[in-house]
C-alpha atoms as a PDB file:
ATOM      1  CA  MET A   1      57.156 -60.874 218.119  1.00  0.00           C
ATOM      2  CA  ALA A   2      53.485 -59.723 217.963  1.00  0.00           C
ATOM      3  CA  ALA A   3      52.115 -57.612 220.880  1.00  0.00           C
ATOM      4  CA  THR A   4      49.719 -60.458 221.640  1.00  0.00           C
ATOM      5  CA  GLU A   5      52.737 -62.959 222.231  1.00  0.00           C
ATOM      6  CA  MET A   6      54.211 -60.799 224.806  1.00  0.00           C
ATOM      7  CA  ASP A   7      54.023 -61.819 228.470  1.00  0.00           C
ATOM      8  CA  GLU A   8      52.623 -59.371 230.985  1.00  0.00           C
ATOM      9  CA  ALA A   9      56.080 -58.570 232.569  1.00  0.00           C
ATOM     10  CA  THR A  10      57.398 -57.588 229.055  1.00  0.00           C
ATOM     11  CA  THR A  11      54.340 -55.503 228.254  1.00  0.00           C
ATOM     12  CA  THR A  12      54.696 -53.799 231.575  1.00  0.00           C
ATOM     13  CA  ALA A  13      58.435 -53.132 231.021  1.00  0.00           C
ATOM     14  CA  LEU A  14      57.827 -51.724 227.625  1.00  0.00           C
ATOM     15  CA  GLU A  15      54.925 -49.458 228.913  1.00  0.00           C
ATOM     16  CA  ALA A  16      57.156 -48.184 231.744  1.00  0.00           C
ATOM     17  CA  ALA A  17      60.127 -47.386 229.275  1.00  0.00           C
ATOM     18  CA  ALA A  18      57.754 -45.520 226.966  1.00  0.00           C
ATOM     19  CA  PHE A  19      56.393 -43.601 230.030  1.00  0.00           C
ATOM     20  CA  ARG A  20      59.710 -42.772 231.200  1.00  0.00           C
ATOM     21  CA  ARG A  21      60.759 -41.449 227.697  1.00  0.00           C
ATOM     22  CA  LEU A  22      57.487 -39.312 227.542  1.00  0.00           C
ATOM     23  CA  VAL A  23      58.345 -37.783 230.960  1.00  0.00           C
ATOM     24  CA  ALA A  24      61.937 -37.184 229.868  1.00  0.00           C
ATOM     25  CA  HIS A  25      60.796 -35.632 226.677  1.00  0.00           C
ATOM     26  CA  LEU A  26      58.429 -33.319 228.486  1.00  0.00           C
ATOM     27  CA  ARG A  27      61.273 -32.358 230.936  1.00  0.00           C
ATOM     28  CA  GLU A  28      63.492 -31.673 227.974  1.00  0.00           C
ATOM     29  CA  HIS A  29      60.762 -29.268 226.418  1.00  0.00           C
ATOM     30  CA  PRO A  30      59.512 -26.972 229.126  1.00  0.00           C
ATOM     31  CA  GLU A  31      58.558 -24.487 226.426  1.00  0.00           C
ATOM     32  CA  VAL A  32      55.632 -26.790 225.698  1.00  0.00           C
ATOM     33  CA  GLN A  33      52.948 -25.238 227.956  1.00  0.00           C
ATOM     34  CA  ASN A  34      50.458 -27.341 229.839  1.00  0.00           C
ATOM     35  CA  ILE A  35      47.577 -25.271 228.309  1.00  0.00           C
ATOM     36  CA  ASP A  36      48.884 -26.128 224.814  1.00  0.00           C
ATOM     37  CA  LEU A  37      49.116 -29.874 225.873  1.00  0.00           C
ATOM     38  CA  MET A  38      45.542 -29.827 227.082  1.00  0.00           C
ATOM     39  CA  ASN A  39      44.165 -28.054 224.066  1.00  0.00           C
ATOM     40  CA  LEU A  40      45.946 -30.369 221.601  1.00  0.00           C
ATOM     41  CA  ALA A  41      46.017 -33.651 223.331  1.00  0.00           C
ATOM     42  CA  GLY A  42      43.517 -33.464 226.146  1.00  0.00           C
ATOM     43  CA  PHE A  43      46.146 -34.149 228.919  1.00  0.00           C
ATOM     44  CA  CYS A  44      49.027 -32.216 230.358  1.00  0.00           C
ATOM     45  CA  ARG A  45      51.878 -32.787 232.957  1.00  0.00           C
ATOM     46  CA  ASN A  46      49.493 -32.343 235.691  1.00  0.00           C
ATOM     47  CA  CYS A  47      47.161 -35.187 234.308  1.00  0.00           C
ATOM     48  CA  LEU A  48      50.207 -37.428 234.192  1.00  0.00           C
ATOM     49  CA  SER A  49      51.150 -36.689 237.817  1.00  0.00           C
ATOM     50  CA  ARG A  50      47.613 -37.393 238.916  1.00  0.00           C
ATOM     51  CA  TRP A  51      47.455 -40.596 237.074  1.00  0.00           C
ATOM     52  CA  TYR A  52      50.801 -41.584 238.675  1.00  0.00           C
ATOM     53  CA  ARG A  53      49.453 -40.679 242.032  1.00  0.00           C
ATOM     54  CA  GLU A  54      46.168 -42.701 241.379  1.00  0.00           C
ATOM     55  CA  ALA A  55      48.194 -45.667 240.222  1.00  0.00           C
ATOM     56  CA  ALA A  56      50.257 -45.479 243.425  1.00  0.00           C
ATOM     57  CA  GLN A  57      47.114 -45.274 245.632  1.00  0.00           C
ATOM     58  CA  THR A  58      45.557 -48.386 243.983  1.00  0.00           C
ATOM     59  CA  ARG A  59      48.703 -50.240 245.169  1.00  0.00           C
ATOM     60  CA  GLY A  60      48.243 -48.956 248.679  1.00  0.00           C
ATOM     61  CA  LEU A  61      51.025 -46.455 248.379  1.00  0.00           C
ATOM     62  CA  ALA A  62      50.429 -42.936 249.845  1.00  0.00           C
ATOM     63  CA  LEU A  63      51.710 -40.370 247.318  1.00  0.00           C
ATOM     64  CA  SER A  64      50.762 -36.578 247.641  1.00  0.00           C
ATOM     65  CA  ASP A  65      49.974 -34.426 244.698  1.00  0.00           C
ATOM     66  CA  PRO A  66      53.015 -32.326 245.236  1.00  0.00           C
ATOM     67  CA  ALA A  67      55.286 -35.467 245.346  1.00  0.00           C
ATOM     68  CA  ALA A  68      53.739 -37.090 242.219  1.00  0.00           C
ATOM     69  CA  ARG A  69      54.064 -33.616 240.380  1.00  0.00           C
ATOM     70  CA  GLU A  70      57.886 -33.442 241.319  1.00  0.00           C
ATOM     71  CA  ILE A  71      58.231 -36.942 239.872  1.00  0.00           C
ATOM     72  CA  ILE A  72      56.626 -35.717 236.541  1.00  0.00           C
ATOM     73  CA  TYR A  73      58.201 -32.259 236.533  1.00  0.00           C
ATOM     74  CA  GLY A  74      61.629 -33.223 237.850  1.00  0.00           C
ATOM     75  CA  MET A  75      61.507 -30.452 240.329  1.00  0.00           C
ATOM     76  CA  PRO A  76      58.765 -28.971 242.671  1.00  0.00           C
ATOM     77  CA  TYR A  77      55.827 -27.673 240.646  1.00  0.00           C
ATOM     78  CA  GLU A  78      56.108 -24.116 241.958  1.00  0.00           C
ATOM     79  CA  GLU A  79      59.588 -24.044 240.973  1.00  0.00           C
ATOM     80  CA  TRP A  80      58.741 -25.417 237.419  1.00  0.00           C
ATOM     81  CA  ARG A  81      56.043 -22.719 237.056  1.00  0.00           C
ATOM     82  CA  ALA A  82      58.368 -19.935 238.205  1.00  0.00           C
ATOM     83  CA  ARG A  83      60.911 -21.081 235.647  1.00  0.00           C
ATOM     84  CA  HIS A  84      58.933 -22.172 232.701  1.00  0.00           C
ATOM     85  CA  GLN A  85      55.374 -21.308 232.695  1.00  0.00           C
ATOM     86  CA  THR A  86      54.331 -18.287 230.611  1.00  0.00           C
ATOM     87  CA  PRO A  87      50.936 -16.510 230.830  1.00  0.00           C
ATOM     88  CA  ALA A  88      48.199 -17.996 228.623  1.00  0.00           C
ATOM     89  CA  ASP A  89      47.422 -15.801 225.587  1.00  0.00           C
ATOM     90  CA  GLU A  90      43.736 -14.995 224.617  1.00  0.00           C
ATOM     91  CA  ALA A  91      43.893 -17.739 221.843  1.00  0.00           C
ATOM     92  CA  GLN A  92      44.955 -20.425 224.357  1.00  0.00           C
ATOM     93  CA  LYS A  93      42.487 -19.417 226.752  1.00  0.00           C
ATOM     94  CA  ALA A  94      39.607 -19.391 224.182  1.00  0.00           C
ATOM     95  CA  LYS A  95      40.495 -22.866 222.927  1.00  0.00           C
ATOM     96  CA  ALA A  96      40.723 -24.180 226.587  1.00  0.00           C
ATOM     97  CA  ALA A  97      37.269 -22.663 227.574  1.00  0.00           C
ATOM     98  CA  PRO A  98      34.467 -25.166 227.846  1.00  0.00           C
ATOM     99  CA  GLY A  99      32.038 -25.192 225.136  1.00  0.00           C
ATOM    100  CA  PRO A 100      28.404 -23.906 225.294  1.00  0.00           C
END
């Protein structure tokens, strides 16, 4: 079945499954730092949590940033940072710095 032949409910279900798998993958790989994701892909876990919160808000659902982050990180953000975040090295910082 071509993607153009899928109904909206099927498309949404597949997108949701892919999103859940991405979140699970990121939870399984806490060694992948947010700065590396930003430098390589232009988004990180915090971006995903913000997009999730924004999607909830467009549907009239109140969701705080901390609650959205906990959904993405699988634990409170500060706990994740304490367990997994490492200081950025000079190369990471230089790559993340805005251009001229």
